[in-house]
Amino acid sequence: MRLKAAVIGLGKQSVDDHIPALMESNLYELKAVCDVDSERVNSIATQYDIGGFTKLDELLSVHTLDVVIVAVPHSHYLGIITQAAKQGIHIIKEKPFATSV
């Protein structure tokens, strides 16, 4: 069984590394992407034939996920990981979980 995944944040790291790795993996099935930039979301979602969302609430109401890759600036991640954790979704965060000790 492949784990159902989504990528949250569509910066260079996600587009160049995270998404291609998920697409090539036998362990994960990329179900959706999410970002505040609707043009970027539509472009990536169309390219990979997956769901595209600009609001995390909508993504989580449509898809039952096993894991999310969170690739957003430090100032934006807390609400995202909190929401995913409350739903029992595993979190892969590309940056450290804290900006200070």
C-alpha atoms as a PDB file:
ATOM      1  CA  MET A   1       0.000   0.000   0.000  1.00  0.00           C
ATOM      2  CA  ARG A   2       1.361   3.394  -0.972  1.00  0.00           C
ATOM      3  CA  LEU A   3       1.099   6.292   1.479  1.00  0.00           C
ATOM      4  CA  LYS A   4      -1.162   9.128   0.326  1.00  0.00           C
ATOM      5  CA  ALA A   5       0.840  12.350   0.327  1.00  0.00           C
ATOM      6  CA  ALA A   6       0.480  16.073  -0.294  1.00  0.00           C
ATOM      7  CA  VAL A   7       3.043  18.829  -0.640  1.00  0.00           C
ATOM      8  CA  ILE A   8       2.287  22.117   1.068  1.00  0.00           C
ATOM      9  CA  GLY A   9       4.320  25.003  -0.300  1.00  0.00           C
ATOM     10  CA  LEU A  10       5.399  25.077  -3.929  1.00  0.00           C
ATOM     11  CA  GLY A  11       8.748  26.811  -3.862  1.00  0.00           C
ATOM     12  CA  LYS A  12      11.844  25.707  -5.745  1.00  0.00           C
ATOM     13  CA  GLN A  13      12.698  22.874  -3.339  1.00  0.00           C
ATOM     14  CA  SER A  14       9.238  21.340  -3.668  1.00  0.00           C
ATOM     15  CA  VAL A  15       9.022  21.696  -7.420  1.00  0.00           C
ATOM     16  CA  ASP A  16      12.583  20.559  -8.149  1.00  0.00           C
ATOM     17  CA  ASP A  17      12.993  17.866  -5.487  1.00  0.00           C
ATOM     18  CA  HIS A  18      10.021  16.883  -3.306  1.00  0.00           C
ATOM     19  CA  ILE A  19       7.370  16.431  -5.986  1.00  0.00           C
ATOM     20  CA  PRO A  20       9.577  14.545  -8.472  1.00  0.00           C
ATOM     21  CA  ALA A  21      10.799  12.254  -5.666  1.00  0.00           C
ATOM     22  CA  LEU A  22       7.235  11.456  -4.609  1.00  0.00           C
ATOM     23  CA  MET A  23       6.219  10.797  -8.211  1.00  0.00           C
ATOM     24  CA  GLU A  24       9.111   8.363  -8.698  1.00  0.00           C
ATOM     25  CA  SER A  25       8.607   6.571  -5.382  1.00  0.00           C
ATOM     26  CA  ASN A  26       6.850   3.245  -5.026  1.00  0.00           C
ATOM     27  CA  LEU A  27       6.076   4.100  -1.394  1.00  0.00           C
ATOM     28  CA  TYR A  28       4.069   7.300  -1.875  1.00  0.00           C
ATOM     29  CA  GLU A  29       1.153   8.441  -3.997  1.00  0.00           C
ATOM     30  CA  LEU A  30       1.047  12.206  -4.480  1.00  0.00           C
ATOM     31  CA  LYS A  31      -2.602  13.200  -4.176  1.00  0.00           C
ATOM     32  CA  ALA A  32      -2.432  16.996  -4.019  1.00  0.00           C
ATOM     33  CA  VAL A  33      -0.447  20.187  -3.670  1.00  0.00           C
ATOM     34  CA  CYS A  34      -1.260  23.360  -1.765  1.00  0.00           C
ATOM     35  CA  ASP A  35       0.112  26.898  -1.974  1.00  0.00           C
ATOM     36  CA  VAL A  36      -1.196  30.461  -1.694  1.00  0.00           C
ATOM     37  CA  ASP A  37      -0.237  31.140  -5.345  1.00  0.00           C
ATOM     38  CA  SER A  38      -3.212  29.886  -7.367  1.00  0.00           C
ATOM     39  CA  GLU A  39      -1.382  30.078 -10.710  1.00  0.00           C
ATOM     40  CA  ARG A  40       1.456  27.928  -9.362  1.00  0.00           C
ATOM     41  CA  VAL A  41      -1.028  25.465  -7.841  1.00  0.00           C
ATOM     42  CA  ASN A  42      -2.950  25.148 -11.109  1.00  0.00           C
ATOM     43  CA  SER A  43       0.230  24.682 -13.126  1.00  0.00           C
ATOM     44  CA  ILE A  44       1.659  21.939 -10.881  1.00  0.00           C
ATOM     45  CA  ALA A  45      -1.691  20.199 -10.352  1.00  0.00           C
ATOM     46  CA  THR A  46      -2.275  20.089 -14.104  1.00  0.00           C
ATOM     47  CA  GLN A  47       1.269  18.927 -14.830  1.00  0.00           C
ATOM     48  CA  TYR A  48       0.967  15.964 -12.450  1.00  0.00           C
ATOM     49  CA  ASP A  49      -2.796  15.379 -12.784  1.00  0.00           C
ATOM     50  CA  ILE A  50      -3.401  15.765  -9.041  1.00  0.00           C
ATOM     51  CA  GLY A  51      -5.531  17.942  -6.786  1.00  0.00           C
ATOM     52  CA  GLY A  52      -4.534  21.566  -6.331  1.00  0.00           C
ATOM     53  CA  PHE A  53      -5.565  23.783  -3.436  1.00  0.00           C
ATOM     54  CA  THR A  54      -4.876  27.274  -2.129  1.00  0.00           C
ATOM     55  CA  LYS A  55      -6.407  26.539   1.283  1.00  0.00           C
ATOM     56  CA  LEU A  56      -5.228  23.749   3.554  1.00  0.00           C
ATOM     57  CA  ASP A  57      -8.727  23.309   5.031  1.00  0.00           C
ATOM     58  CA  GLU A  58     -10.101  22.476   1.589  1.00  0.00           C
ATOM     59  CA  LEU A  59      -7.287  20.032   0.829  1.00  0.00           C
ATOM     60  CA  LEU A  60      -7.837  18.198   4.112  1.00  0.00           C
ATOM     61  CA  SER A  61     -11.608  18.072   3.614  1.00  0.00           C
ATOM     62  CA  VAL A  62     -11.213  16.447   0.186  1.00  0.00           C
ATOM     63  CA  HIS A  63      -8.275  14.082   0.740  1.00  0.00           C
ATOM     64  CA  THR A  64      -7.499  11.593   3.481  1.00  0.00           C
ATOM     65  CA  LEU A  65      -3.719  11.769   3.743  1.00  0.00           C
ATOM     66  CA  ASP A  66      -1.059   9.706   5.443  1.00  0.00           C
ATOM     67  CA  VAL A  67       1.737  12.263   5.143  1.00  0.00           C
ATOM     68  CA  VAL A  68       2.378  15.877   4.172  1.00  0.00           C
ATOM     69  CA  ILE A  69       5.618  17.509   3.180  1.00  0.00           C
ATOM     70  CA  VAL A  70       5.574  21.029   4.587  1.00  0.00           C
ATOM     71  CA  ALA A  71       7.859  23.381   2.666  1.00  0.00           C
ATOM     72  CA  VAL A  72       6.826  26.866   3.704  1.00  0.00           C
ATOM     73  CA  PRO A  73       8.645  29.789   5.359  1.00  0.00           C
ATOM     74  CA  HIS A  74       9.232  29.527   9.108  1.00  0.00           C
ATOM     75  CA  SER A  75       6.613  32.178   9.799  1.00  0.00           C
ATOM     76  CA  HIS A  76       3.865  30.058   8.222  1.00  0.00           C
ATOM     77  CA  TYR A  77       4.461  26.474   9.282  1.00  0.00           C
ATOM     78  CA  LEU A  78       3.019  26.311  12.812  1.00  0.00           C
ATOM     79  CA  GLY A  79      -0.659  26.419  11.838  1.00  0.00           C
ATOM     80  CA  ILE A  80      -0.062  23.942   9.038  1.00  0.00           C
ATOM     81  CA  ILE A  81       1.704  21.319  11.125  1.00  0.00           C
ATOM     82  CA  THR A  82      -0.764  21.796  13.973  1.00  0.00           C
ATOM     83  CA  GLN A  83      -3.695  21.167  11.656  1.00  0.00           C
ATOM     84  CA  ALA A  84      -2.047  18.109  10.072  1.00  0.00           C
ATOM     85  CA  ALA A  85      -1.033  16.670  13.449  1.00  0.00           C
ATOM     86  CA  LYS A  86      -4.580  17.045  14.806  1.00  0.00           C
ATOM     87  CA  GLN A  87      -5.750  14.840  11.937  1.00  0.00           C
ATOM     88  CA  GLY A  88      -3.083  12.228  12.642  1.00  0.00           C
ATOM     89  CA  ILE A  89      -1.170  12.994   9.455  1.00  0.00           C
ATOM     90  CA  HIS A  90       2.571  12.339   9.502  1.00  0.00           C
ATOM     91  CA  ILE A  91       4.635  15.455   8.821  1.00  0.00           C
ATOM     92  CA  ILE A  92       7.862  15.793   6.896  1.00  0.00           C
ATOM     93  CA  LYS A  93       9.164  19.302   7.380  1.00  0.00           C
ATOM     94  CA  GLU A  94      11.961  20.475   5.120  1.00  0.00           C
ATOM     95  CA  LYS A  95      13.173  23.066   7.611  1.00  0.00           C
ATOM     96  CA  PRO A  96      13.736  22.688  11.368  1.00  0.00           C
ATOM     97  CA  PHE A  97      10.604  22.739  13.517  1.00  0.00           C
ATOM     98  CA  ALA A  98      11.890  25.747  15.466  1.00  0.00           C
ATOM     99  CA  THR A  99      13.859  28.900  14.714  1.00  0.00           C
ATOM    100  CA  SER A 100      15.447  29.035  18.188  1.00  0.00           C
ATOM    101  CA  VAL A 101      15.948  26.847  21.244  1.00  0.00           C
END
